[in-house]
N, C-alpha and C. Protein backbone atom coordinates (compact mmCIF):
# COMPACT_ATOMS: atom_id res chain seq x y z
N UNK A 1 11.89 49.87 -4.28
CA UNK A 1 11.49 51.25 -4.39
C UNK A 1 12.59 52.17 -3.84
N UNK A 2 13.21 51.76 -2.74
CA UNK A 2 14.27 52.59 -2.16
C UNK A 2 15.42 52.75 -3.17
N UNK A 3 15.76 51.70 -3.86
CA UNK A 3 16.82 51.78 -4.87
C UNK A 3 16.45 52.76 -5.97
N UNK A 4 15.21 52.71 -6.41
CA UNK A 4 14.76 53.64 -7.46
C UNK A 4 14.84 55.08 -6.99
N UNK A 5 14.44 55.33 -5.76
CA UNK A 5 14.47 56.68 -5.22
C UNK A 5 15.93 57.17 -5.09
N UNK A 6 16.83 56.29 -4.71
CA UNK A 6 18.22 56.66 -4.46
C UNK A 6 19.05 56.83 -5.74
N UNK A 7 18.62 56.24 -6.84
CA UNK A 7 19.39 56.31 -8.08
C UNK A 7 19.67 57.75 -8.47
N UNK A 8 20.95 58.02 -8.78
CA UNK A 8 21.35 59.34 -9.24
C UNK A 8 21.58 60.35 -8.13
N UNK A 9 21.38 59.95 -6.90
CA UNK A 9 21.58 60.86 -5.78
C UNK A 9 22.98 60.67 -5.19
N UNK A 10 23.48 61.71 -4.56
CA UNK A 10 24.74 61.58 -3.83
C UNK A 10 24.44 60.82 -2.54
N UNK A 11 25.48 60.41 -1.84
CA UNK A 11 25.27 59.71 -0.58
C UNK A 11 24.55 60.62 0.42
N UNK A 12 24.91 61.89 0.42
CA UNK A 12 24.26 62.82 1.34
C UNK A 12 22.78 62.97 1.03
N UNK A 13 22.45 63.02 -0.25
CA UNK A 13 21.04 63.12 -0.65
C UNK A 13 20.30 61.84 -0.31
N UNK A 14 20.94 60.69 -0.52
CA UNK A 14 20.30 59.41 -0.23
C UNK A 14 20.04 59.25 1.27
N UNK A 15 20.91 59.81 2.09
CA UNK A 15 20.70 59.75 3.54
C UNK A 15 19.47 60.55 3.98
N UNK A 16 19.01 61.44 3.14
CA UNK A 16 17.82 62.24 3.46
C UNK A 16 16.52 61.56 3.07
N UNK A 17 16.60 60.40 2.41
CA UNK A 17 15.39 59.66 2.05
C UNK A 17 14.76 59.15 3.33
N UNK A 18 13.50 59.45 3.50
CA UNK A 18 12.80 59.07 4.72
C UNK A 18 11.87 57.89 4.47
N UNK A 19 11.44 57.30 5.57
CA UNK A 19 10.46 56.22 5.48
C UNK A 19 9.17 56.73 4.83
N UNK A 20 8.83 57.98 5.12
CA UNK A 20 7.63 58.57 4.53
C UNK A 20 7.78 58.74 3.02
N UNK A 21 9.00 59.10 2.57
CA UNK A 21 9.25 59.22 1.12
C UNK A 21 8.96 57.89 0.42
N UNK A 22 9.43 56.81 1.02
CA UNK A 22 9.23 55.49 0.43
C UNK A 22 7.75 55.15 0.37
N UNK A 23 7.04 55.37 1.46
CA UNK A 23 5.61 55.09 1.50
C UNK A 23 4.86 55.92 0.46
N UNK A 24 5.24 57.19 0.33
CA UNK A 24 4.59 58.06 -0.66
C UNK A 24 4.82 57.57 -2.08
N UNK A 25 6.05 57.15 -2.38
CA UNK A 25 6.36 56.63 -3.71
C UNK A 25 5.58 55.35 -4.02
N UNK A 26 5.27 54.61 -2.98
CA UNK A 26 4.49 53.38 -3.15
C UNK A 26 2.99 53.67 -3.23
N UNK A 27 2.62 54.93 -3.15
CA UNK A 27 1.22 55.30 -3.23
C UNK A 27 0.50 55.20 -1.90
N UNK A 28 1.25 55.21 -0.82
CA UNK A 28 0.67 55.07 0.51
C UNK A 28 0.54 53.60 0.87
N UNK A 29 0.59 53.33 2.13
CA UNK A 29 0.49 51.96 2.61
C UNK A 29 -0.46 51.91 3.80
N UNK A 30 -1.13 50.76 3.96
CA UNK A 30 -1.93 50.59 5.18
C UNK A 30 -1.00 50.60 6.39
N UNK A 31 -1.50 51.03 7.54
CA UNK A 31 -0.66 51.12 8.74
C UNK A 31 0.01 49.80 9.08
N UNK A 32 -0.68 48.67 8.86
CA UNK A 32 -0.09 47.38 9.21
C UNK A 32 1.02 46.96 8.24
N UNK A 33 1.22 47.69 7.15
CA UNK A 33 2.30 47.40 6.20
C UNK A 33 3.39 48.46 6.20
N UNK A 34 3.20 49.52 6.97
CA UNK A 34 4.15 50.63 6.99
C UNK A 34 5.55 50.19 7.40
N UNK A 35 5.66 49.19 8.27
CA UNK A 35 6.97 48.73 8.72
C UNK A 35 7.82 48.22 7.56
N UNK A 36 7.19 47.74 6.51
CA UNK A 36 7.93 47.24 5.34
C UNK A 36 8.72 48.36 4.67
N UNK A 37 8.10 49.51 4.50
CA UNK A 37 8.81 50.64 3.88
C UNK A 37 9.89 51.17 4.82
N UNK A 38 9.67 51.08 6.12
CA UNK A 38 10.67 51.53 7.08
C UNK A 38 11.95 50.71 6.97
N UNK A 39 11.82 49.44 6.72
CA UNK A 39 12.99 48.57 6.61
C UNK A 39 13.89 49.00 5.45
N UNK A 40 13.30 49.38 4.35
CA UNK A 40 14.08 49.77 3.17
C UNK A 40 14.92 51.01 3.42
N UNK A 41 14.31 52.06 3.91
CA UNK A 41 15.04 53.31 4.16
C UNK A 41 16.07 53.11 5.26
N UNK A 42 15.71 52.37 6.29
CA UNK A 42 16.66 52.12 7.38
C UNK A 42 17.87 51.32 6.89
N UNK A 43 17.62 50.34 6.04
CA UNK A 43 18.72 49.53 5.50
C UNK A 43 19.63 50.37 4.60
N UNK A 44 19.04 51.24 3.81
CA UNK A 44 19.84 52.12 2.95
C UNK A 44 20.75 53.00 3.80
N UNK A 45 20.19 53.61 4.83
CA UNK A 45 20.99 54.48 5.71
C UNK A 45 22.12 53.70 6.38
N UNK A 46 21.82 52.50 6.85
CA UNK A 46 22.84 51.68 7.50
C UNK A 46 23.95 51.31 6.53
N UNK A 47 23.59 50.97 5.30
CA UNK A 47 24.59 50.60 4.29
C UNK A 47 25.48 51.79 3.95
N UNK A 48 24.90 52.96 3.81
CA UNK A 48 25.69 54.15 3.49
C UNK A 48 26.65 54.47 4.64
N UNK A 49 26.15 54.43 5.85
CA UNK A 49 27.00 54.72 7.01
C UNK A 49 28.13 53.71 7.15
N UNK A 50 27.84 52.44 6.88
CA UNK A 50 28.86 51.39 6.91
C UNK A 50 29.93 51.67 5.85
N UNK A 51 29.50 52.02 4.66
CA UNK A 51 30.42 52.34 3.57
C UNK A 51 31.30 53.53 3.95
N UNK A 52 30.69 54.58 4.49
CA UNK A 52 31.45 55.77 4.87
C UNK A 52 32.49 55.45 5.94
N UNK A 53 32.14 54.60 6.89
CA UNK A 53 33.09 54.20 7.94
C UNK A 53 34.27 53.43 7.34
N UNK A 54 33.98 52.53 6.41
CA UNK A 54 35.05 51.74 5.79
C UNK A 54 35.99 52.63 5.00
N UNK A 55 35.46 53.59 4.28
CA UNK A 55 36.29 54.52 3.52
C UNK A 55 37.12 55.38 4.46
N UNK A 56 36.51 55.83 5.54
CA UNK A 56 37.18 56.68 6.51
C UNK A 56 38.35 55.96 7.19
N UNK A 57 38.21 54.65 7.42
CA UNK A 57 39.23 53.89 8.14
C UNK A 57 40.30 53.29 7.24
N UNK A 58 40.31 53.62 5.97
CA UNK A 58 41.34 53.08 5.07
C UNK A 58 42.61 53.85 5.18
């Protein structure tokens, strides 16, 4: 779902995707499953930041 939300967005726009955005796109989640959507958005943000650091250090 995170990939679908991020498609066509700039890196800056993708960094604005929140855990709540993911849960909303999934139609809401029970509280005991909310951590699953958090992992997706957090991983996306980490990947973008890692990419930006690598580009910056070239």
